Protein backbone atom coordinates (compact mmCIF):
# COMPACT_ATOMS: atom_id res chain seq x y z
CA UNK A 1 31.33 11.84 3.72
CA UNK A 2 32.24 12.84 7.32
CA UNK A 3 32.46 16.52 6.39
CA UNK A 4 28.93 16.46 4.97
CA UNK A 5 27.58 14.79 8.13
CA UNK A 6 29.23 17.41 10.34
CA UNK A 7 27.71 20.14 8.17
CA UNK A 8 24.31 18.50 8.63
CA UNK A 9 24.74 18.34 12.41
CA UNK A 10 25.63 22.05 12.56
CA UNK A 11 22.54 22.88 10.53
CA UNK A 12 20.36 20.76 12.82
CA UNK A 13 21.75 22.44 15.94
CA UNK A 14 20.80 25.82 14.53
CA UNK A 15 17.44 24.65 13.21
CA UNK A 16 16.29 22.70 16.26
CA UNK A 17 17.83 25.06 18.79
CA UNK A 18 19.27 22.06 20.63
CA UNK A 19 22.67 20.48 20.94
CA UNK A 20 21.23 17.29 22.46
CA UNK A 21 19.84 15.16 19.66
CA UNK A 22 20.53 11.76 18.16
CA UNK A 23 20.87 11.16 14.44
CA UNK A 24 20.73 7.73 12.81
CA UNK A 25 20.48 6.60 9.18
CA UNK A 26 16.84 6.19 8.09
CA UNK A 27 17.20 5.17 4.45
CA UNK A 28 18.82 5.93 1.14
CA UNK A 29 17.26 5.76 -2.29
CA UNK A 30 18.25 5.25 -5.89
CA UNK A 31 19.45 8.85 -6.19
CA UNK A 32 22.16 10.74 -4.34
CA UNK A 33 19.76 11.66 -1.52
CA UNK A 34 20.13 10.22 1.97
CA UNK A 35 17.72 10.31 4.89
CA UNK A 36 18.39 10.42 8.62
CA UNK A 37 16.09 10.10 11.61
CA UNK A 38 16.64 12.78 14.24
CA UNK A 39 15.47 12.24 17.83
CA UNK A 40 15.10 15.31 20.01
CA UNK A 41 12.91 16.10 23.05
CA UNK A 42 10.99 12.86 22.74
CA UNK A 43 10.11 13.44 19.09
CA UNK A 44 11.57 12.21 15.82
CA UNK A 45 11.91 13.96 12.49
CA UNK A 46 13.46 13.04 9.17
CA UNK A 47 16.19 15.09 7.59
CA UNK A 48 16.88 14.83 3.87
CA UNK A 49 20.45 15.27 2.74
CA UNK A 50 20.42 16.26 -0.93
CA UNK A 51 23.89 17.50 -1.94
CA UNK A 52 23.21 20.61 -4.04
CA UNK A 53 25.84 19.69 -6.62
CA UNK A 54 23.94 16.43 -7.24
CA UNK A 55 20.30 17.11 -6.33
CA UNK A 56 17.87 20.04 -6.51
CA UNK A 57 15.48 20.39 -3.56
CA UNK A 58 13.25 22.78 -5.47
CA UNK A 59 11.06 20.13 -7.17
CA UNK A 60 10.57 18.29 -3.88
CA UNK A 61 9.31 21.43 -2.13
CA UNK A 62 7.03 22.37 -5.02
CA UNK A 63 5.52 18.91 -5.47
CA UNK A 64 5.19 18.31 -1.72
CA UNK A 65 3.00 21.39 -1.42
CA UNK A 66 0.86 20.39 -4.41
CA UNK A 67 0.42 16.80 -3.22
CA UNK A 68 -0.51 18.01 0.25
CA UNK A 69 -3.18 20.23 -1.34
CA UNK A 70 -4.44 17.14 -3.17
CA UNK A 71 -5.08 15.44 0.18
CA UNK A 72 -2.16 13.04 0.07
CA UNK A 73 -0.37 12.10 3.25
CA UNK A 74 3.11 13.40 2.42
CA UNK A 75 5.83 14.57 4.81
CA UNK A 76 5.43 18.16 5.87
CA UNK A 77 8.44 20.41 5.43
CA UNK A 78 9.35 21.88 8.82
CA UNK A 79 12.46 23.72 7.71
CA UNK A 80 14.75 23.84 4.71
CA UNK A 81 17.98 25.22 3.35
CA UNK A 82 18.07 24.65 -0.40
CA UNK A 83 21.56 26.11 -0.74
CA UNK A 84 22.95 23.52 1.66
CA UNK A 85 20.56 20.81 0.44
CA UNK A 86 18.96 20.01 3.81
CA UNK A 87 15.24 19.56 4.53
CA UNK A 88 13.68 18.81 7.92
CA UNK A 89 10.53 16.71 7.50
CA UNK A 90 7.85 15.08 9.60
CA UNK A 91 8.52 11.41 10.32
CA UNK A 92 6.10 8.93 8.73
CA UNK A 93 7.56 5.96 10.59
CA UNK A 94 9.44 3.00 9.22
CA UNK A 95 6.76 0.51 8.17
CA UNK A 96 7.02 0.18 4.40
CA UNK A 97 4.20 -1.28 2.33
CA UNK A 98 6.77 -3.81 1.13
CA UNK A 99 7.19 -5.16 4.65
CA UNK A 100 3.47 -5.17 5.41
CA UNK A 101 2.05 -6.74 2.24
CA UNK A 102 0.90 -10.34 2.34
CA UNK A 103 -2.10 -12.32 1.09
CA UNK A 104 -4.28 -11.03 3.92
CA UNK A 105 -3.20 -7.37 3.95
CA UNK A 106 -2.77 -6.71 0.23
CA UNK A 107 -6.46 -6.05 -0.47
CA UNK A 108 -7.01 -3.29 2.11
CA UNK A 109 -3.54 -1.78 1.65
CA UNK A 110 -3.95 -1.54 -2.12
CA UNK A 111 -7.46 -0.20 -1.67
CA UNK A 112 -6.01 2.66 0.39
CA UNK A 113 -3.26 3.25 -2.17
CA UNK A 114 -5.76 3.34 -5.05
CA UNK A 115 -7.90 5.80 -3.12
CA UNK A 116 -4.90 8.09 -2.62
CA UNK A 117 -3.95 7.71 -6.28
CA UNK A 118 -7.44 8.73 -7.40
CA UNK A 119 -7.26 11.79 -5.14
CA UNK A 120 -4.01 12.77 -6.85
CA UNK A 121 -5.40 12.21 -10.32
CA UNK A 122 -8.62 14.12 -9.64
CA UNK A 123 -6.72 17.04 -8.14
CA UNK A 124 -4.48 17.27 -11.19
CA UNK A 125 -7.41 17.55 -13.60
CA UNK A 126 -7.19 20.95 -15.27
CA UNK A 127 -3.74 21.54 -13.75
CA UNK A 128 -1.72 19.48 -16.23
CA UNK A 129 0.73 22.27 -16.98
CA UNK A 130 1.86 22.43 -13.32
CA UNK A 131 4.10 19.38 -13.78
CA UNK A 132 6.53 18.61 -16.62
CA UNK A 133 5.06 16.50 -19.43
CA UNK A 134 5.77 12.79 -19.73
CA UNK A 135 6.23 13.20 -23.46
CA UNK A 136 7.49 11.00 -26.30
CA UNK A 137 11.10 12.10 -25.85
CA UNK A 138 11.14 11.22 -22.15
CA UNK A 139 9.40 7.88 -22.66
CA UNK A 140 11.97 6.89 -25.30
CA UNK A 141 14.90 8.22 -23.28
CA UNK A 142 13.87 6.05 -20.35
CA UNK A 143 13.62 2.89 -22.43
CA UNK A 144 17.04 3.42 -23.97
CA UNK A 145 18.47 2.88 -20.48
CA UNK A 146 17.64 -0.79 -21.04
CA UNK A 147 19.88 -1.01 -24.09
CA UNK A 148 22.63 1.25 -22.80
CA UNK A 149 23.00 0.02 -19.24
CA UNK A 150 21.54 -3.47 -19.06
CA UNK A 151 22.23 -4.95 -22.48
CA UNK A 152 25.44 -3.05 -23.22
CA UNK A 153 27.13 -2.30 -19.92
CA UNK A 154 25.84 -5.18 -17.78
CA UNK A 155 25.47 -8.06 -20.24
CA UNK A 156 28.18 -6.86 -22.62
CA UNK A 157 25.95 -7.27 -25.67
CA UNK A 158 26.77 -5.47 -28.90
CA UNK A 159 23.55 -5.25 -30.88
CA UNK A 160 23.35 -5.77 -34.60
CA UNK A 161 21.32 -3.47 -36.82
CA UNK A 162 18.32 -5.83 -36.90
CA UNK A 163 18.32 -6.20 -33.12
CA UNK A 164 18.46 -2.45 -32.65
CA UNK A 165 15.54 -2.03 -35.05
CA UNK A 166 13.57 -4.53 -32.97
CA UNK A 167 14.16 -2.48 -29.85
CA UNK A 168 13.44 0.84 -31.55
CA UNK A 169 10.18 -0.51 -33.00
CA UNK A 170 9.09 -1.78 -29.58
CA UNK A 171 9.99 1.53 -27.96
CA UNK A 172 7.93 3.49 -30.50
CA UNK A 173 4.95 1.18 -30.08
CA UNK A 174 5.06 1.44 -26.28
CA UNK A 175 5.45 5.21 -26.33
CA UNK A 176 2.49 5.56 -28.70
CA UNK A 177 0.34 3.47 -26.35
CA UNK A 178 1.34 5.64 -23.39
CA UNK A 179 0.52 8.83 -25.27
CA UNK A 180 -2.97 7.55 -26.19
CA UNK A 181 -3.99 7.59 -22.55
CA UNK A 182 -5.79 10.30 -20.57
CA UNK A 183 -3.24 12.56 -18.89
CA UNK A 184 -3.10 12.92 -15.13
CA UNK A 185 -0.60 13.83 -12.45
CA UNK A 186 1.88 10.97 -12.14
CA UNK A 187 3.90 10.32 -8.99
CA UNK A 188 6.27 8.18 -11.12
CA UNK A 189 7.53 5.86 -8.35
CA UNK A 190 4.30 4.84 -6.65
CA UNK A 191 5.40 1.48 -5.26
CA UNK A 192 5.87 -0.49 -2.06
CA UNK A 193 9.18 1.10 -1.08
CA UNK A 194 7.74 4.61 -1.32
CA UNK A 195 4.42 3.95 0.46
CA UNK A 196 4.27 3.82 4.24
CA UNK A 197 1.69 2.15 6.44
CA UNK A 198 0.40 4.92 8.71
CA UNK A 199 -2.25 5.10 11.41
CA UNK A 200 -4.36 7.68 9.61
CA UNK A 201 -4.80 8.77 6.01
CA UNK A 202 -2.97 5.67 4.79
CA UNK A 203 -0.65 5.48 2.89
CA UNK A 204 2.14 7.87 3.61
CA UNK A 205 3.62 8.85 0.25
CA UNK A 206 7.35 9.44 -0.30
CA UNK A 207 9.83 10.15 -3.12
CA UNK A 208 7.52 12.19 -5.33
CA UNK A 209 9.92 14.90 -6.53
CA UNK A 210 10.08 13.51 -10.11
CA UNK A 211 6.32 13.84 -10.66
CA UNK A 212 5.06 14.59 -14.17
CA UNK A 213 1.83 14.86 -16.12
CA UNK A 214 1.42 11.64 -18.07
CA UNK A 215 -0.44 8.37 -18.74
CA UNK A 216 -3.30 7.45 -16.43
CA UNK A 217 -2.05 3.87 -15.92
CA UNK A 218 1.56 4.67 -15.03
CA UNK A 219 1.22 4.87 -11.25
CA UNK A 220 -1.22 1.96 -11.24
CA UNK A 221 1.46 -0.15 -12.94
CA UNK A 222 4.06 1.01 -10.41
CA UNK A 223 1.74 -0.07 -7.60
CA UNK A 224 0.40 -3.40 -8.90
CA UNK A 225 3.32 -4.58 -11.06
CA UNK A 226 5.85 -3.59 -8.43
CA UNK A 227 9.51 -4.33 -9.14
CA UNK A 228 9.91 -5.50 -5.53
CA UNK A 229 6.90 -7.78 -5.01
CA UNK A 230 4.82 -9.79 -7.49
CA UNK A 231 1.21 -10.98 -7.44
CA UNK A 232 -0.72 -13.47 -9.60
CA UNK A 233 -2.13 -11.96 -12.76
CA UNK A 234 -5.74 -12.65 -11.79
CA UNK A 235 -5.28 -10.72 -8.52
CA UNK A 236 -3.68 -7.82 -10.38
CA UNK A 237 -6.54 -7.71 -12.87
CA UNK A 238 -9.09 -7.60 -10.04
CA UNK A 239 -7.30 -4.63 -8.53
CA UNK A 240 -7.15 -2.93 -11.93
CA UNK A 241 -10.90 -3.49 -12.28
CA UNK A 242 -11.40 -1.97 -8.83
CA UNK A 243 -9.47 1.09 -9.97
CA UNK A 244 -11.38 1.19 -13.26
CA UNK A 245 -14.80 1.44 -11.63
CA UNK A 246 -13.70 4.14 -9.23
CA UNK A 247 -11.83 6.12 -11.90
CA UNK A 248 -14.89 6.04 -14.16
CA UNK A 249 -17.04 7.32 -11.32
CA UNK A 250 -14.51 10.11 -10.78
CA UNK A 251 -14.73 11.12 -14.44
CA UNK A 252 -11.11 10.29 -15.20
CA UNK A 253 -11.63 7.79 -18.02
CA UNK A 254 -14.42 9.21 -20.18
CA UNK A 255 -15.69 6.51 -22.54
CA UNK A 256 -12.74 4.17 -21.99
CA UNK A 257 -13.70 0.50 -21.70
CA UNK A 258 -12.08 -1.87 -19.21
CA UNK A 259 -10.26 -3.96 -21.83
CA UNK A 260 -8.76 -0.79 -23.32
CA UNK A 261 -7.53 0.26 -19.88
CA UNK A 262 -6.09 -3.20 -19.27
CA UNK A 263 -4.26 -3.07 -22.60
CA UNK A 264 -2.78 0.32 -21.70
CA UNK A 265 -1.85 -1.03 -18.27
CA UNK A 266 -0.02 -4.04 -19.70
CA UNK A 267 1.90 -2.02 -22.27
CA UNK A 268 2.71 0.75 -19.80
CA UNK A 269 4.22 -1.95 -17.63
CA UNK A 270 6.56 -3.06 -20.41
CA UNK A 271 7.77 0.52 -20.84
CA UNK A 272 8.30 0.96 -17.10
CA UNK A 273 10.03 -2.36 -16.60
CA UNK A 274 12.43 -1.89 -19.49
CA UNK A 275 13.35 1.43 -17.92
CA UNK A 276 13.64 -0.06 -14.43
CA UNK A 277 15.90 -2.87 -15.64
CA UNK A 278 18.22 -0.30 -17.17
CA UNK A 279 18.16 1.79 -13.99
CA UNK A 280 18.98 -1.21 -11.81
CA UNK A 281 22.01 -1.96 -14.00
CA UNK A 282 23.05 1.70 -13.90
CA UNK A 283 22.80 1.75 -10.11
CA UNK A 284 25.25 -1.13 -10.00
CA UNK A 285 27.78 0.07 -12.55
CA UNK A 286 27.63 3.86 -12.12
CA UNK A 287 26.60 4.28 -8.50
CA UNK A 288 28.05 1.21 -6.80
CA UNK A 289 24.65 -0.10 -5.62
CA UNK A 290 24.55 -3.75 -6.70
CA UNK A 291 21.61 -4.73 -4.50
CA UNK A 292 19.06 -3.81 -7.15
CA UNK A 293 20.36 -6.52 -9.48
CA UNK A 294 18.38 -9.11 -7.52
CA UNK A 295 15.16 -7.40 -8.68
CA UNK A 296 15.95 -7.70 -12.39
CA UNK A 297 14.60 -11.26 -12.90
CA UNK A 298 11.22 -10.21 -11.48
CA UNK A 299 11.18 -6.99 -13.47
CA UNK A 300 12.18 -8.63 -16.74
CA UNK A 301 9.71 -11.40 -16.00
CA UNK A 302 6.89 -8.90 -16.41
CA UNK A 303 8.29 -7.84 -19.78
CA UNK A 304 8.55 -11.45 -20.95
CA UNK A 305 5.02 -12.27 -19.86
CA UNK A 306 3.33 -9.25 -21.40
CA UNK A 307 5.38 -9.15 -24.60
CA UNK A 308 4.21 -12.70 -25.25
CA UNK A 309 0.60 -11.49 -25.22
CA UNK A 310 0.89 -8.83 -27.95
CA UNK A 311 1.71 -9.54 -31.62
CA UNK A 312 3.30 -6.10 -31.87
CA UNK A 313 5.90 -7.19 -29.31
CA UNK A 314 6.58 -10.66 -30.72
CA UNK A 315 9.98 -9.64 -32.08
CA UNK A 316 10.93 -8.11 -28.73
CA UNK A 317 9.96 -11.34 -26.96
CA UNK A 318 11.98 -13.37 -29.47
CA UNK A 319 15.02 -11.13 -28.93
CA UNK A 320 14.73 -11.43 -25.15
CA UNK A 321 14.33 -15.21 -25.32
CA UNK A 322 17.40 -15.68 -27.49
CA UNK A 323 19.79 -12.92 -26.38
CA UNK A 324 18.86 -12.09 -22.78
CA UNK A 325 17.16 -14.95 -20.95
CA UNK A 326 20.11 -17.36 -21.35
CA UNK A 327 22.33 -14.78 -19.63
CA UNK A 328 20.03 -14.02 -16.69
CA UNK A 329 21.40 -16.72 -14.43
CA UNK A 330 24.98 -15.77 -15.16
CA UNK A 331 24.45 -12.12 -14.31
């Protein structure tokens, strides 16, 4: 897209008031957005390139302001042109949580991330209508990506009527569990590739433009059952218990007991990981981004583990064991 890059450089010259700057790729994500790091006068900024025919900058600007008000460390918008699809942002560095997490650092880094998450959830209390609802239709739509893109397009499976009923029954059960939960503001991609290790007010929080109002455990699942890094179940449960005590103290859980929260957390993870598996397959086949396929075994591994723990998901586990697991190595 040389023409798009030249357009971006012209916009930066006008915005920065300089012709002497350096621009280098910073990152891309699972959408059509791209990010560049701009060096000028001894400082660096990030510029978001969101082609207006593919992406809408409006939600990013709206949510960024709301999350900043909540006390989250999000990039500040220095300048924008929504018609062109360019945003100039403060630079949060390049140290991802994913690169920093290990057995020694995980505890304090997750403690910071849970603290930021609780700030977001507390701030959203009473403001649920500000963000779109994570409703039954959206929950189901997300899970159907698993059947459409992973089972159908990627594995080439053609489901029989009984197999489709198994999936539909599981989807309904998982959606019902999600809708039982207290509703809070949900970042929706609160994981190690969207959290930055920063010197102050850790973590830096990115990629929040798809935020919704939805289940209290959703972001906790994104954080602790990350598609890009896995931890032993006992460690995850300790972190969930840490969250539980602090969320209770913040008045976010009412009379909810820990085992009820853990059940919601497990089932929310199945919903999220079915969706993520479908998205990873779609990224490969629709968007030409095959790198995410390597994360499918980990992501589906969560689904297999948790579905084996719930009688209501026994048929889903049986279907995965017979129709999907034998094909994992081949795909």
